[in-house]
Full PDB file with SEQRES, HELIX, SHEET, SSBOND, CRYST1, ORIGX, SCALE, CONECT and MASTER records, all heavy atoms in Angstrom:
SEQRES   1 A   33  ILE GLU SER ALA ALA GLU PRO PHE TYR HIS TYR PRO THR          
SEQRES   2 A   33  THR HIS ASN ALA ARG ARG ARG GLY ALA ALA ALA ALA ASP          
SEQRES   3 A   33  GLN GLU GLN ARG LEU ARG PHE                                  
HELIX    1 AA1 THR A   14  ARG A   32  1                                  19    
CRYST1    1.000    1.000    1.000  90.00  90.00  90.00 P 1           1          
ORIGX1      1.000000  0.000000  0.000000        0.00000                         
ORIGX2      0.000000  1.000000  0.000000        0.00000                         
ORIGX3      0.000000  0.000000  1.000000        0.00000                         
SCALE1      1.000000  0.000000  0.000000        0.00000                         
SCALE2      0.000000  1.000000  0.000000        0.00000                         
SCALE3      0.000000  0.000000  1.000000        0.00000                         
ATOM      1  N   ILE A   1      -0.990 -23.862  -5.370  1.00  0.00           N  
ATOM      2  CA  ILE A   1      -1.693 -22.573  -5.387  1.00  0.00           C  
ATOM      3  C   ILE A   1      -3.107 -22.733  -4.844  1.00  0.00           C  
ATOM      4  O   ILE A   1      -3.554 -21.957  -4.001  1.00  0.00           O  
ATOM      5  CB  ILE A   1      -1.709 -21.981  -6.809  1.00  0.00           C  
ATOM      6  CG1 ILE A   1      -0.298 -21.555  -7.198  1.00  0.00           C  
ATOM      7  CG2 ILE A   1      -2.679 -20.805  -6.899  1.00  0.00           C  
ATOM      8  CD1 ILE A   1      -0.127 -21.255  -8.667  1.00  0.00           C  
ATOM      9  N   GLU A   2      -3.819 -23.749  -5.316  1.00  0.00           N  
ATOM     10  CA  GLU A   2      -5.196 -23.955  -4.877  1.00  0.00           C  
ATOM     11  C   GLU A   2      -5.285 -24.323  -3.402  1.00  0.00           C  
ATOM     12  O   GLU A   2      -6.272 -24.013  -2.746  1.00  0.00           O  
ATOM     13  CB  GLU A   2      -5.869 -25.025  -5.732  1.00  0.00           C  
ATOM     14  CG  GLU A   2      -6.163 -24.522  -7.129  1.00  0.00           C  
ATOM     15  CD  GLU A   2      -6.777 -25.578  -8.031  1.00  0.00           C  
ATOM     16  OE1 GLU A   2      -6.753 -26.774  -7.663  1.00  0.00           O  
ATOM     17  OE2 GLU A   2      -7.277 -25.200  -9.098  1.00  0.00           O  
ATOM     18  N   SER A   3      -4.267 -24.973  -2.861  1.00  0.00           N  
ATOM     19  CA  SER A   3      -4.293 -25.352  -1.455  1.00  0.00           C  
ATOM     20  C   SER A   3      -3.837 -24.197  -0.558  1.00  0.00           C  
ATOM     21  O   SER A   3      -3.876 -24.315   0.657  1.00  0.00           O  
ATOM     22  CB  SER A   3      -3.399 -26.561  -1.213  1.00  0.00           C  
ATOM     23  OG  SER A   3      -2.032 -26.206  -1.335  1.00  0.00           O  
ATOM     24  N   ALA A   4      -3.403 -23.115  -1.161  1.00  0.00           N  
ATOM     25  CA  ALA A   4      -2.875 -21.946  -0.458  1.00  0.00           C  
ATOM     26  C   ALA A   4      -1.643 -22.305   0.357  1.00  0.00           C  
ATOM     27  O   ALA A   4      -1.282 -21.606   1.285  1.00  0.00           O  
ATOM     28  CB  ALA A   4      -3.945 -21.294   0.414  1.00  0.00           C  
ATOM     29  N   ALA A   5      -0.996 -23.404   0.024  1.00  0.00           N  
ATOM     30  CA  ALA A   5       0.241 -23.786   0.701  1.00  0.00           C  
ATOM     31  C   ALA A   5       1.393 -22.929   0.214  1.00  0.00           C  
ATOM     32  O   ALA A   5       2.402 -22.804   0.888  1.00  0.00           O  
ATOM     33  CB  ALA A   5       0.551 -25.260   0.445  1.00  0.00           C  
ATOM     34  N   GLU A   6       1.240 -22.352  -0.945  1.00  0.00           N  
ATOM     35  CA  GLU A   6       2.279 -21.518  -1.522  1.00  0.00           C  
ATOM     36  C   GLU A   6       1.923 -20.068  -1.212  1.00  0.00           C  
ATOM     37  O   GLU A   6       0.876 -19.574  -1.618  1.00  0.00           O  
ATOM     38  CB  GLU A   6       2.336 -21.742  -3.030  1.00  0.00           C  
ATOM     39  CG  GLU A   6       3.504 -21.119  -3.704  1.00  0.00           C  
ATOM     40  CD  GLU A   6       4.815 -21.792  -3.348  1.00  0.00           C  
ATOM     41  OE1 GLU A   6       4.819 -22.906  -2.819  1.00  0.00           O  
ATOM     42  OE2 GLU A   6       5.856 -21.172  -3.604  1.00  0.00           O  
ATOM     43  N   PRO A   7       2.771 -19.359  -0.467  1.00  0.00           N  
ATOM     44  CA  PRO A   7       2.445 -17.965  -0.142  1.00  0.00           C  
ATOM     45  C   PRO A   7       2.478 -17.094  -1.395  1.00  0.00           C  
ATOM     46  O   PRO A   7       3.275 -17.325  -2.300  1.00  0.00           O  
ATOM     47  CB  PRO A   7       3.547 -17.553   0.834  1.00  0.00           C  
ATOM     48  CG  PRO A   7       4.674 -18.484   0.554  1.00  0.00           C  
ATOM     49  CD  PRO A   7       4.055 -19.773   0.063  1.00  0.00           C  
ATOM     50  N   PHE A   8       1.613 -16.123  -1.435  1.00  0.00           N  
ATOM     51  CA  PHE A   8       1.573 -15.204  -2.556  1.00  0.00           C  
ATOM     52  C   PHE A   8       2.399 -13.977  -2.214  1.00  0.00           C  
ATOM     53  O   PHE A   8       2.338 -13.459  -1.104  1.00  0.00           O  
ATOM     54  CB  PHE A   8       0.137 -14.771  -2.866  1.00  0.00           C  
ATOM     55  CG  PHE A   8      -0.683 -15.877  -3.438  1.00  0.00           C  
ATOM     56  CD1 PHE A   8      -1.513 -16.634  -2.635  1.00  0.00           C  
ATOM     57  CD2 PHE A   8      -0.605 -16.183  -4.779  1.00  0.00           C  
ATOM     58  CE1 PHE A   8      -2.268 -17.657  -3.166  1.00  0.00           C  
ATOM     59  CE2 PHE A   8      -1.354 -17.208  -5.327  1.00  0.00           C  
ATOM     60  CZ  PHE A   8      -2.181 -17.944  -4.509  1.00  0.00           C  
ATOM     61  N   TYR A   9       3.176 -13.536  -3.161  1.00  0.00           N  
ATOM     62  CA  TYR A   9       3.974 -12.341  -2.971  1.00  0.00           C  
ATOM     63  C   TYR A   9       3.295 -11.221  -3.731  1.00  0.00           C  
ATOM     64  O   TYR A   9       3.016 -11.346  -4.912  1.00  0.00           O  
ATOM     65  CB  TYR A   9       5.402 -12.541  -3.489  1.00  0.00           C  
ATOM     66  CG  TYR A   9       6.252 -11.301  -3.323  1.00  0.00           C  
ATOM     67  CD1 TYR A   9       6.754 -10.977  -2.067  1.00  0.00           C  
ATOM     68  CD2 TYR A   9       6.519 -10.467  -4.378  1.00  0.00           C  
ATOM     69  CE1 TYR A   9       7.517  -9.847  -1.887  1.00  0.00           C  
ATOM     70  CE2 TYR A   9       7.285  -9.329  -4.203  1.00  0.00           C  
ATOM     71  CZ  TYR A   9       7.781  -9.029  -2.962  1.00  0.00           C  
ATOM     72  OH  TYR A   9       8.531  -7.902  -2.782  1.00  0.00           O  
ATOM     73  N   HIS A  10       3.014 -10.139  -3.038  1.00  0.00           N  
ATOM     74  CA  HIS A  10       2.406  -8.981  -3.685  1.00  0.00           C  
ATOM     75  C   HIS A  10       3.530  -8.038  -4.097  1.00  0.00           C  
ATOM     76  O   HIS A  10       4.182  -7.443  -3.243  1.00  0.00           O  
ATOM     77  CB  HIS A  10       1.426  -8.291  -2.745  1.00  0.00           C  
ATOM     78  CG  HIS A  10       0.283  -9.165  -2.380  1.00  0.00           C  
ATOM     79  ND1 HIS A  10      -0.755  -9.419  -3.242  1.00  0.00           N  
ATOM     80  CD2 HIS A  10       0.032  -9.902  -1.276  1.00  0.00           C  
ATOM     81  CE1 HIS A  10      -1.601 -10.247  -2.680  1.00  0.00           C  
ATOM     82  NE2 HIS A  10      -1.148 -10.564  -1.487  1.00  0.00           N  
ATOM     83  N   TYR A  11       3.761  -7.966  -5.385  1.00  0.00           N  
ATOM     84  CA  TYR A  11       4.844  -7.147  -5.902  1.00  0.00           C  
ATOM     85  C   TYR A  11       4.507  -5.672  -5.723  1.00  0.00           C  
ATOM     86  O   TYR A  11       3.411  -5.238  -6.074  1.00  0.00           O  
ATOM     87  CB  TYR A  11       5.072  -7.433  -7.386  1.00  0.00           C  
ATOM     88  CG  TYR A  11       5.598  -8.821  -7.622  1.00  0.00           C  
ATOM     89  CD1 TYR A  11       4.746  -9.880  -7.908  1.00  0.00           C  
ATOM     90  CD2 TYR A  11       6.957  -9.073  -7.522  1.00  0.00           C  
ATOM     91  CE1 TYR A  11       5.231 -11.155  -8.100  1.00  0.00           C  
ATOM     92  CE2 TYR A  11       7.453 -10.346  -7.719  1.00  0.00           C  
ATOM     93  CZ  TYR A  11       6.585 -11.377  -8.010  1.00  0.00           C  
ATOM     94  OH  TYR A  11       7.074 -12.638  -8.203  1.00  0.00           O  
ATOM     95  N   PRO A  12       5.439  -4.924  -5.162  1.00  0.00           N  
ATOM     96  CA  PRO A  12       5.186  -3.487  -5.033  1.00  0.00           C  
ATOM     97  C   PRO A  12       5.177  -2.838  -6.416  1.00  0.00           C  
ATOM     98  O   PRO A  12       5.956  -3.220  -7.282  1.00  0.00           O  
ATOM     99  CB  PRO A  12       6.365  -2.986  -4.192  1.00  0.00           C  
ATOM    100  CG  PRO A  12       7.423  -4.017  -4.342  1.00  0.00           C  
ATOM    101  CD  PRO A  12       6.726  -5.318  -4.647  1.00  0.00           C  
ATOM    102  N   THR A  13       4.279  -1.942  -6.603  1.00  0.00           N  
ATOM    103  CA  THR A  13       4.227  -1.218  -7.866  1.00  0.00           C  
ATOM    104  C   THR A  13       4.377   0.259  -7.591  1.00  0.00           C  
ATOM    105  O   THR A  13       4.132   0.725  -6.476  1.00  0.00           O  
ATOM    106  CB  THR A  13       2.881  -1.450  -8.594  1.00  0.00           C  
ATOM    107  OG1 THR A  13       1.842  -0.905  -7.779  1.00  0.00           O  
ATOM    108  CG2 THR A  13       2.635  -2.914  -8.866  1.00  0.00           C  
ATOM    109  N   THR A  14       4.754   0.980  -8.593  1.00  0.00           N  
ATOM    110  CA  THR A  14       4.892   2.423  -8.446  1.00  0.00           C  
ATOM    111  C   THR A  14       3.556   3.035  -8.083  1.00  0.00           C  
ATOM    112  O   THR A  14       3.474   3.909  -7.229  1.00  0.00           O  
ATOM    113  CB  THR A  14       5.412   3.032  -9.768  1.00  0.00           C  
ATOM    114  OG1 THR A  14       6.612   2.364 -10.125  1.00  0.00           O  
ATOM    115  CG2 THR A  14       5.674   4.512  -9.623  1.00  0.00           C  
ATOM    116  N   HIS A  15       2.494   2.531  -8.693  1.00  0.00           N  
ATOM    117  CA  HIS A  15       1.145   3.045  -8.426  1.00  0.00           C  
ATOM    118  C   HIS A  15       0.797   2.861  -6.952  1.00  0.00           C  
ATOM    119  O   HIS A  15       0.332   3.782  -6.295  1.00  0.00           O  
ATOM    120  CB  HIS A  15       0.125   2.347  -9.312  1.00  0.00           C  
ATOM    121  CG  HIS A  15      -1.281   2.717  -9.006  1.00  0.00           C  
ATOM    122  ND1 HIS A  15      -1.797   3.950  -9.306  1.00  0.00           N  
ATOM    123  CD2 HIS A  15      -2.289   2.018  -8.415  1.00  0.00           C  
ATOM    124  CE1 HIS A  15      -3.057   4.003  -8.921  1.00  0.00           C  
ATOM    125  NE2 HIS A  15      -3.370   2.845  -8.373  1.00  0.00           N  
ATOM    126  N   ASN A  16       1.025   1.662  -6.408  1.00  0.00           N  
ATOM    127  CA  ASN A  16       0.708   1.398  -5.006  1.00  0.00           C  
ATOM    128  C   ASN A  16       1.563   2.249  -4.080  1.00  0.00           C  
ATOM    129  O   ASN A  16       1.084   2.729  -3.056  1.00  0.00           O  
ATOM    130  CB  ASN A  16       0.902  -0.088  -4.672  1.00  0.00           C  
ATOM    131  CG  ASN A  16      -0.166  -0.949  -5.291  1.00  0.00           C  
ATOM    132  OD1 ASN A  16      -1.223  -0.468  -5.665  1.00  0.00           O  
ATOM    133  ND2 ASN A  16       0.112  -2.229  -5.418  1.00  0.00           N  
ATOM    134  N   ALA A  17       2.840   2.426  -4.416  1.00  0.00           N  
ATOM    135  CA  ALA A  17       3.725   3.246  -3.588  1.00  0.00           C  
ATOM    136  C   ALA A  17       3.249   4.690  -3.572  1.00  0.00           C  
ATOM    137  O   ALA A  17       3.247   5.337  -2.531  1.00  0.00           O  
ATOM    138  CB  ALA A  17       5.159   3.155  -4.109  1.00  0.00           C  
ATOM    139  N   ARG A  18       2.815   5.186  -4.720  1.00  0.00           N  
ATOM    140  CA  ARG A  18       2.297   6.557  -4.786  1.00  0.00           C  
ATOM    141  C   ARG A  18       1.035   6.682  -3.953  1.00  0.00           C  
ATOM    142  O   ARG A  18       0.844   7.665  -3.250  1.00  0.00           O  
ATOM    143  CB  ARG A  18       2.013   6.957  -6.230  1.00  0.00           C  
ATOM    144  CG  ARG A  18       3.216   7.474  -6.967  1.00  0.00           C  
ATOM    145  CD  ARG A  18       2.786   8.140  -8.248  1.00  0.00           C  
ATOM    146  NE  ARG A  18       2.135   7.177  -9.111  1.00  0.00           N  
ATOM    147  CZ  ARG A  18       2.613   6.775 -10.276  1.00  0.00           C  
ATOM    148  NH1 ARG A  18       3.728   7.255 -10.730  1.00  0.00           N  
ATOM    149  NH2 ARG A  18       1.977   5.890 -10.985  1.00  0.00           N  
ATOM    150  N   ARG A  19       0.155   5.665  -4.029  1.00  0.00           N  
ATOM    151  CA  ARG A  19      -1.084   5.710  -3.244  1.00  0.00           C  
ATOM    152  C   ARG A  19      -0.770   5.722  -1.759  1.00  0.00           C  
ATOM    153  O   ARG A  19      -1.370   6.475  -1.002  1.00  0.00           O  
ATOM    154  CB  ARG A  19      -1.976   4.515  -3.582  1.00  0.00           C  
ATOM    155  CG  ARG A  19      -2.708   4.688  -4.892  1.00  0.00           C  
ATOM    156  CD  ARG A  19      -3.643   3.570  -5.231  1.00  0.00           C  
ATOM    157  NE  ARG A  19      -4.348   3.030  -4.098  1.00  0.00           N  
ATOM    158  CZ  ARG A  19      -4.758   1.769  -4.007  1.00  0.00           C  
ATOM    159  NH1 ARG A  19      -4.532   0.939  -4.986  1.00  0.00           N  
ATOM    160  NH2 ARG A  19      -5.395   1.338  -2.957  1.00  0.00           N  
ATOM    161  N   ARG A  20       0.177   4.876  -1.325  1.00  0.00           N  
ATOM    162  CA  ARG A  20       0.545   4.850   0.094  1.00  0.00           C  
ATOM    163  C   ARG A  20       1.140   6.191   0.502  1.00  0.00           C  
ATOM    164  O   ARG A  20       0.832   6.716   1.559  1.00  0.00           O  
ATOM    165  CB  ARG A  20       1.525   3.717   0.374  1.00  0.00           C  
ATOM    166  CG  ARG A  20       0.858   2.356   0.482  1.00  0.00           C  
ATOM    167  CD  ARG A  20       1.801   1.328   1.055  1.00  0.00           C  
ATOM    168  NE  ARG A  20       3.036   1.186   0.289  1.00  0.00           N  
ATOM    169  CZ  ARG A  20       3.178   0.404  -0.783  1.00  0.00           C  
ATOM    170  NH1 ARG A  20       2.175  -0.325  -1.209  1.00  0.00           N  
ATOM    171  NH2 ARG A  20       4.323   0.326  -1.402  1.00  0.00           N  
ATOM    172  N   GLY A  21       1.982   6.753  -0.360  1.00  0.00           N  
ATOM    173  CA  GLY A  21       2.586   8.046  -0.059  1.00  0.00           C  
ATOM    174  C   GLY A  21       1.549   9.153   0.005  1.00  0.00           C  
ATOM    175  O   GLY A  21       1.585  10.003   0.887  1.00  0.00           O  
ATOM    176  N   ALA A  22       0.604   9.136  -0.931  1.00  0.00           N  
ATOM    177  CA  ALA A  22      -0.441  10.152  -0.947  1.00  0.00           C  
ATOM    178  C   ALA A  22      -1.334  10.011   0.281  1.00  0.00           C  
ATOM    179  O   ALA A  22      -1.728  11.008   0.890  1.00  0.00           O  
ATOM    180  CB  ALA A  22      -1.269  10.029  -2.223  1.00  0.00           C  
ATOM    181  N   ALA A  23      -1.647   8.793   0.666  1.00  0.00           N  
ATOM    182  CA  ALA A  23      -2.498   8.561   1.834  1.00  0.00           C  
ATOM    183  C   ALA A  23      -1.804   9.064   3.089  1.00  0.00           C  
ATOM    184  O   ALA A  23      -2.429   9.693   3.953  1.00  0.00           O  
ATOM    185  CB  ALA A  23      -2.834   7.081   1.965  1.00  0.00           C  
ATOM    186  N   ALA A  24      -0.504   8.818   3.203  1.00  0.00           N  
ATOM    187  CA  ALA A  24       0.243   9.289   4.370  1.00  0.00           C  
ATOM    188  C   ALA A  24       0.286  10.813   4.393  1.00  0.00           C  
ATOM    189  O   ALA A  24       0.126  11.436   5.448  1.00  0.00           O  
ATOM    190  CB  ALA A  24       1.653   8.712   4.357  1.00  0.00           C  
ATOM    191  N   ALA A  25       0.485  11.425   3.229  1.00  0.00           N  
ATOM    192  CA  ALA A  25       0.517  12.883   3.149  1.00  0.00           C  
ATOM    193  C   ALA A  25      -0.842  13.467   3.515  1.00  0.00           C  
ATOM    194  O   ALA A  25      -0.924  14.461   4.239  1.00  0.00           O  
ATOM    195  CB  ALA A  25       0.940  13.330   1.753  1.00  0.00           C  
ATOM    196  N   ASP A  26      -1.924  12.839   3.048  1.00  0.00           N  
ATOM    197  CA  ASP A  26      -3.269  13.303   3.384  1.00  0.00           C  
ATOM    198  C   ASP A  26      -3.512  13.220   4.884  1.00  0.00           C  
ATOM    199  O   ASP A  26      -4.088  14.127   5.493  1.00  0.00           O  
ATOM    200  CB  ASP A  26      -4.331  12.486   2.652  1.00  0.00           C  
ATOM    201  CG  ASP A  26      -4.398  12.797   1.174  1.00  0.00           C  
ATOM    202  OD1 ASP A  26      -3.843  13.835   0.753  1.00  0.00           O  
ATOM    203  OD2 ASP A  26      -5.012  11.990   0.440  1.00  0.00           O  
ATOM    204  N   GLN A  27      -3.077  12.122   5.483  1.00  0.00           N  
ATOM    205  CA  GLN A  27      -3.272  11.938   6.916  1.00  0.00           C  
ATOM    206  C   GLN A  27      -2.483  12.995   7.699  1.00  0.00           C  
ATOM    207  O   GLN A  27      -3.004  13.571   8.656  1.00  0.00           O  
ATOM    208  CB  GLN A  27      -2.848  10.545   7.343  1.00  0.00           C  
ATOM    209  CG  GLN A  27      -3.155  10.255   8.794  1.00  0.00           C  
ATOM    210  CD  GLN A  27      -2.845   8.825   9.168  1.00  0.00           C  
ATOM    211  OE1 GLN A  27      -2.255   8.096   8.389  1.00  0.00           O  
ATOM    212  NE2 GLN A  27      -3.224   8.444  10.363  1.00  0.00           N  
ATOM    213  N   GLU A  28      -1.259  13.272   7.287  1.00  0.00           N  
ATOM    214  CA  GLU A  28      -0.463  14.302   7.955  1.00  0.00           C  
ATOM    215  C   GLU A  28      -1.142  15.659   7.849  1.00  0.00           C  
ATOM    216  O   GLU A  28      -1.187  16.418   8.810  1.00  0.00           O  
ATOM    217  CB  GLU A  28       0.934  14.379   7.342  1.00  0.00           C  
ATOM    218  CG  GLU A  28       1.864  13.283   7.782  1.00  0.00           C  
ATOM    219  CD  GLU A  28       3.248  13.434   7.162  1.00  0.00           C  
ATOM    220  OE1 GLU A  28       3.676  14.583   6.909  1.00  0.00           O  
ATOM    221  OE2 GLU A  28       3.877  12.398   6.935  1.00  0.00           O  
ATOM    222  N   GLN A  29      -1.674  15.954   6.677  1.00  0.00           N  
ATOM    223  CA  GLN A  29      -2.336  17.235   6.474  1.00  0.00           C  
ATOM    224  C   GLN A  29      -3.565  17.347   7.375  1.00  0.00           C  
ATOM    225  O   GLN A  29      -3.804  18.384   7.982  1.00  0.00           O  
ATOM    226  CB  GLN A  29      -2.732  17.402   5.007  1.00  0.00           C  
ATOM    227  CG  GLN A  29      -3.274  18.773   4.679  1.00  0.00           C  
ATOM    228  CD  GLN A  29      -3.534  18.935   3.201  1.00  0.00           C  
ATOM    229  OE1 GLN A  29      -3.448  17.990   2.440  1.00  0.00           O  
ATOM    230  NE2 GLN A  29      -3.850  20.146   2.796  1.00  0.00           N  
ATOM    231  N   ARG A  30      -4.338  16.253   7.496  1.00  0.00           N  
ATOM    232  CA  ARG A  30      -5.524  16.278   8.372  1.00  0.00           C  
ATOM    233  C   ARG A  30      -5.111  16.490   9.828  1.00  0.00           C  
ATOM    234  O   ARG A  30      -5.744  17.224  10.570  1.00  0.00           O  
ATOM    235  CB  ARG A  30      -6.313  14.982   8.226  1.00  0.00           C  
ATOM    236  CG  ARG A  30      -7.174  14.930   6.976  1.00  0.00           C  
ATOM    237  CD  ARG A  30      -8.156  13.780   7.023  1.00  0.00           C  
ATOM    238  NE  ARG A  30      -7.506  12.475   7.047  1.00  0.00           N  
ATOM    239  CZ  ARG A  30      -7.140  11.780   5.977  1.00  0.00           C  
ATOM    240  NH1 ARG A  30      -7.369  12.265   4.770  1.00  0.00           N  
ATOM    241  NH2 ARG A  30      -6.554  10.605   6.086  1.00  0.00           N  
ATOM    242  N   LEU A  31      -4.013  15.841  10.246  1.00  0.00           N  
ATOM    243  CA  LEU A  31      -3.549  15.989  11.618  1.00  0.00           C  
ATOM    244  C   LEU A  31      -3.087  17.420  11.903  1.00  0.00           C  
ATOM    245  O   LEU A  31      -3.376  17.978  12.955  1.00  0.00           O  
ATOM    246  CB  LEU A  31      -2.421  15.002  11.925  1.00  0.00           C  
ATOM    247  CG  LEU A  31      -2.823  13.534  12.022  1.00  0.00           C  
ATOM    248  CD1 LEU A  31      -1.592  12.661  12.163  1.00  0.00           C  
ATOM    249  CD2 LEU A  31      -3.776  13.327  13.195  1.00  0.00           C  
ATOM    250  N   ARG A  32      -2.378  18.017  10.926  1.00  0.00           N  
ATOM    251  CA  ARG A  32      -1.952  19.411  11.097  1.00  0.00           C  
ATOM    252  C   ARG A  32      -3.158  20.325  11.197  1.00  0.00           C  
ATOM    253  O   ARG A  32      -3.201  21.240  11.998  1.00  0.00           O  
ATOM    254  CB  ARG A  32      -1.064  19.842   9.926  1.00  0.00           C  
ATOM    255  CG  ARG A  32       0.376  19.395  10.045  1.00  0.00           C  
ATOM    256  CD  ARG A  32       1.248  20.138   9.052  1.00  0.00           C  
ATOM    257  NE  ARG A  32       0.816  19.885   7.679  1.00  0.00           N  
ATOM    258  CZ  ARG A  32       1.382  19.000   6.866  1.00  0.00           C  
ATOM    259  NH1 ARG A  32       2.405  18.300   7.267  1.00  0.00           N  
ATOM    260  NH2 ARG A  32       0.925  18.826   5.657  1.00  0.00           N  
ATOM    261  N   PHE A  33      -4.175  20.059  10.376  1.00  0.00           N  
ATOM    262  CA  PHE A  33      -5.388  20.855  10.395  1.00  0.00           C  
ATOM    263  C   PHE A  33      -6.080  20.742  11.746  1.00  0.00           C  
ATOM    264  O   PHE A  33      -6.503  21.750  12.326  1.00  0.00           O  
ATOM    265  CB  PHE A  33      -6.341  20.403   9.270  1.00  0.00           C  
ATOM    266  CG  PHE A  33      -7.645  21.123   9.249  1.00  0.00           C  
ATOM    267  CD1 PHE A  33      -7.719  22.403   8.725  1.00  0.00           C  
ATOM    268  CD2 PHE A  33      -8.794  20.541   9.764  1.00  0.00           C  
ATOM    269  CE1 PHE A  33      -8.923  23.086   8.700  1.00  0.00           C  
ATOM    270  CE2 PHE A  33      -9.998  21.226   9.748  1.00  0.00           C  
ATOM    271  CZ  PHE A  33     -10.059  22.497   9.212  1.00  0.00           C  
TER     272      PHE A  33                                                      
MASTER        0    0    0    1    0    0    0    6  271    1    0    3          
END                                                                             
């Protein structure tokens, strides 16, 4: 771990998925505007 030889896996969370979805929706809304 300390040598960074072991890759870190970032587990998807519901919170992160919602944030990504909300960000995409916001971007679409700005583009439509």
